[in-house]
């Protein structure tokens, strides 16, 4: 029997040239005072603080510029046409200390998303195979084919950017498989792409 595996889901990894020490220092000195974590995990996050996010990004503008460039290249490479350029118009900073985990979630209303890693870590971000939360989940696995593979793992290292469609569920599996027994800071920056330009202009103005 010949089986074709069709309609793949794209994930891209790119290495950026960013001053991660400056980024980490900027975030770490402010994030604890403004963190408002809407999730169950133990993370300091600026998710709901748009003005603070803009202030931090304005002094790390090279990160925004490189993410936007590679996001557009990603869209072009996979063949998705847009009637207007997409921008990294929504972003926030996530800072973990002793416990690193994040419950499974997606950014489904956004077509393209990205995660930037400013620090190394031994705990991967896992991208769940969309087949696993469709009807396929009711069948026991007898192997590890492209259909039954449960997740794709991406291990953090400074400078790594990973781009993916917003519908893909992803998580950091602290509670299920990999408890942290050491002290390790983990800084990530999450991005959602959209067509908003006013916010980008505002950040560039803050820089000047």
Protein backbone atom coordinates (compact mmCIF):
# COMPACT_ATOMS: atom_id res chain seq x y z
CA UNK A 1 0.00 0.00 0.00
CA UNK A 2 1.28 3.45 -0.90
CA UNK A 3 0.22 6.17 1.54
CA UNK A 4 0.60 9.85 0.73
CA UNK A 5 0.69 12.29 3.65
CA UNK A 6 -1.00 15.43 2.35
CA UNK A 7 -1.78 18.98 3.49
CA UNK A 8 1.11 19.69 5.90
CA UNK A 9 1.10 22.31 8.66
CA UNK A 10 4.04 24.75 8.36
CA UNK A 11 6.38 25.64 11.22
CA UNK A 12 9.57 27.63 10.60
CA UNK A 13 12.62 28.20 12.80
CA UNK A 14 14.96 31.15 12.18
CA UNK A 15 17.99 32.45 14.07
CA UNK A 16 17.88 36.21 14.76
CA UNK A 17 20.72 38.57 15.66
CA UNK A 18 19.42 40.25 18.83
CA UNK A 19 21.08 41.73 21.94
CA UNK A 20 19.42 39.31 24.34
CA UNK A 21 21.20 40.68 27.41
CA UNK A 22 19.67 44.11 26.80
CA UNK A 23 16.26 42.59 26.15
CA UNK A 24 16.40 40.47 29.31
CA UNK A 25 17.51 43.42 31.44
CA UNK A 26 14.77 45.66 30.05
CA UNK A 27 12.06 43.12 30.75
CA UNK A 28 13.30 41.84 34.10
CA UNK A 29 13.51 45.31 35.67
CA UNK A 30 9.87 46.13 34.89
CA UNK A 31 7.76 43.04 34.39
CA UNK A 32 7.11 42.06 38.01
CA UNK A 33 5.40 45.40 38.73
CA UNK A 34 3.04 45.14 35.77
CA UNK A 35 2.41 41.44 35.34
CA UNK A 36 -1.23 40.38 35.04
CA UNK A 37 -1.28 36.69 34.24
CA UNK A 38 -4.58 35.47 32.73
CA UNK A 39 -3.41 31.82 32.69
CA UNK A 40 -2.98 29.07 35.27
CA UNK A 41 0.79 28.88 34.88
CA UNK A 42 3.30 30.70 37.10
CA UNK A 43 4.57 33.37 34.73
CA UNK A 44 5.17 37.09 34.81
CA UNK A 45 3.50 38.40 31.65
CA UNK A 46 2.80 41.79 30.09
CA UNK A 47 -0.06 40.28 28.08
CA UNK A 48 -2.59 42.96 29.06
CA UNK A 49 -0.19 45.94 29.17
CA UNK A 50 -0.03 47.33 25.66
CA UNK A 51 1.70 50.61 26.53
CA UNK A 52 4.40 48.83 28.53
CA UNK A 53 4.93 46.37 25.68
CA UNK A 54 5.37 49.27 23.28
CA UNK A 55 7.88 50.95 25.62
CA UNK A 56 9.97 47.78 25.94
CA UNK A 57 9.86 47.11 22.21
CA UNK A 58 10.85 50.69 21.36
CA UNK A 59 14.29 50.10 22.90
CA UNK A 60 14.53 46.66 21.27
CA UNK A 61 13.29 47.74 17.86
CA UNK A 62 15.64 45.40 16.01
CA UNK A 63 13.65 42.46 17.40
CA UNK A 64 10.41 43.82 15.98
CA UNK A 65 12.01 44.56 12.62
CA UNK A 66 13.54 41.11 12.24
CA UNK A 67 10.38 39.32 13.35
CA UNK A 68 8.32 41.25 10.82
CA UNK A 69 10.77 40.51 8.03
CA UNK A 70 10.81 36.77 8.69
CA UNK A 71 7.05 36.66 9.20
CA UNK A 72 6.52 38.05 5.72
CA UNK A 73 9.09 35.64 4.29
CA UNK A 74 7.26 32.76 5.99
CA UNK A 75 3.95 33.81 4.45
CA UNK A 76 5.55 34.17 1.04
CA UNK A 77 7.33 30.80 1.26
CA UNK A 78 4.20 28.82 2.12
CA UNK A 79 2.21 30.58 -0.60
CA UNK A 80 -0.33 32.55 1.43
CA UNK A 81 -1.32 35.73 -0.39
CA UNK A 82 -2.47 38.79 1.56
CA UNK A 83 -4.06 41.89 0.08
CA UNK A 84 -2.05 44.06 2.51
CA UNK A 85 1.24 43.46 4.35
CA UNK A 86 1.02 41.80 7.76
CA UNK A 87 2.79 43.32 10.75
CA UNK A 88 3.79 41.97 14.15
CA UNK A 89 1.06 44.21 15.51
CA UNK A 90 0.47 42.42 18.81
CA UNK A 91 3.16 41.14 21.18
CA UNK A 92 3.91 40.59 24.85
CA UNK A 93 6.71 39.35 27.09
CA UNK A 94 6.63 36.20 29.26
CA UNK A 95 9.17 35.74 32.05
CA UNK A 96 9.48 32.49 34.02
CA UNK A 97 11.74 31.81 36.99
CA UNK A 98 11.76 28.49 38.85
CA UNK A 99 8.82 26.74 37.21
CA UNK A 100 8.43 26.72 33.45
CA UNK A 101 5.14 25.54 32.04
CA UNK A 102 2.25 26.86 30.00
CA UNK A 103 -1.08 25.21 29.48
CA UNK A 104 -2.08 24.17 25.99
CA UNK A 105 -3.59 27.03 23.98
CA UNK A 106 -3.80 28.51 20.50
CA UNK A 107 -4.00 31.99 18.93
CA UNK A 108 -6.75 30.93 16.54
CA UNK A 109 -8.06 34.36 15.52
CA UNK A 110 -4.57 35.20 14.20
CA UNK A 111 -3.38 33.50 11.04
CA UNK A 112 0.35 33.80 11.79
CA UNK A 113 2.06 33.78 15.19
CA UNK A 114 5.62 33.60 16.46
CA UNK A 115 7.63 32.94 19.61
CA UNK A 116 11.07 34.44 20.21
CA UNK A 117 13.42 32.86 22.76
CA UNK A 118 15.87 35.16 24.56
CA UNK A 119 17.21 32.48 26.93
CA UNK A 120 18.14 28.78 26.74
CA UNK A 121 16.10 26.08 28.46
CA UNK A 122 15.95 22.30 28.64
CA UNK A 123 12.15 22.33 28.47
CA UNK A 124 10.73 22.43 24.95
CA UNK A 125 7.73 24.21 23.57
CA UNK A 126 5.47 21.52 22.18
CA UNK A 127 3.26 22.07 19.13
CA UNK A 128 0.43 19.55 19.15
CA UNK A 129 -0.42 17.67 15.99
CA UNK A 130 -3.86 18.98 14.89
CA UNK A 131 -4.80 15.38 14.09
CA UNK A 132 -4.51 14.55 17.78
CA UNK A 133 -7.48 16.71 18.78
CA UNK A 134 -9.72 15.60 15.92
CA UNK A 135 -11.42 12.22 15.61
CA UNK A 136 -8.01 10.52 15.31
CA UNK A 137 -7.57 10.80 19.08
CA UNK A 138 -9.99 7.92 19.71
CA UNK A 139 -7.66 5.42 18.02
CA UNK A 140 -4.83 3.84 20.05
CA UNK A 141 -1.39 4.49 18.58
CA UNK A 142 0.48 1.50 17.18
CA UNK A 143 3.33 3.56 15.71
CA UNK A 144 4.66 7.04 15.13
CA UNK A 145 3.68 8.08 11.63
CA UNK A 146 3.21 11.68 10.43
CA UNK A 147 -0.46 11.20 11.30
CA UNK A 148 -0.03 9.79 14.82
CA UNK A 149 2.96 11.89 15.93
CA UNK A 150 1.61 13.65 19.03
CA UNK A 151 3.70 16.81 19.03
CA UNK A 152 6.63 18.70 17.56
CA UNK A 153 9.21 19.93 20.08
CA UNK A 154 11.24 23.12 19.80
CA UNK A 155 13.91 23.73 22.43
CA UNK A 156 14.63 27.34 23.42
CA UNK A 157 17.97 28.87 22.61
CA UNK A 158 18.87 32.57 22.50
CA UNK A 159 18.00 34.12 19.16
CA UNK A 160 15.57 31.44 17.96
CA UNK A 161 12.34 32.59 16.36
CA UNK A 162 9.65 30.04 15.58
CA UNK A 163 6.74 30.91 13.28
CA UNK A 164 3.51 28.91 13.01
CA UNK A 165 -0.19 29.14 12.11
CA UNK A 166 -2.31 30.48 14.95
CA UNK A 167 -4.62 27.48 15.01
CA UNK A 168 -1.91 25.08 16.22
CA UNK A 169 -2.21 24.23 19.91
CA UNK A 170 1.06 24.63 21.84
CA UNK A 171 2.26 24.24 25.41
CA UNK A 172 5.22 23.99 27.76
CA UNK A 173 4.69 20.64 29.51
CA UNK A 174 5.94 21.22 33.05
CA UNK A 175 3.14 19.44 34.87
CA UNK A 176 2.90 16.42 32.61
CA UNK A 177 6.46 15.30 31.85
CA UNK A 178 9.37 17.55 32.79
CA UNK A 179 9.45 19.03 36.31
CA UNK A 180 12.08 21.76 36.78
CA UNK A 181 14.49 21.12 39.65
CA UNK A 182 16.91 23.99 38.95
CA UNK A 183 16.78 27.78 38.87
CA UNK A 184 16.59 28.98 35.29
CA UNK A 185 15.09 32.15 33.89
CA UNK A 186 13.08 31.78 30.71
CA UNK A 187 12.17 34.82 28.62
CA UNK A 188 9.98 34.53 25.56
CA UNK A 189 8.27 37.11 23.39
CA UNK A 190 4.99 36.18 21.73
CA UNK A 191 3.82 37.78 18.48
CA UNK A 192 0.56 37.83 16.56
CA UNK A 193 0.57 39.16 13.00
CA UNK A 194 -2.17 41.42 11.67
CA UNK A 195 -2.67 44.43 9.40
CA UNK A 196 -2.43 47.12 12.09
CA UNK A 197 0.12 49.85 11.27
CA UNK A 198 -0.66 52.56 13.84
CA UNK A 199 0.96 50.64 16.67
CA UNK A 200 4.16 50.06 14.70
CA UNK A 201 4.35 53.78 13.88
CA UNK A 202 3.87 54.63 17.55
CA UNK A 203 6.72 52.35 18.60
CA UNK A 204 9.05 53.86 16.00
CA UNK A 205 8.11 57.32 17.24
CA UNK A 206 8.96 56.32 20.83
CA UNK A 207 12.37 55.20 19.62
CA UNK A 208 13.13 58.58 18.08
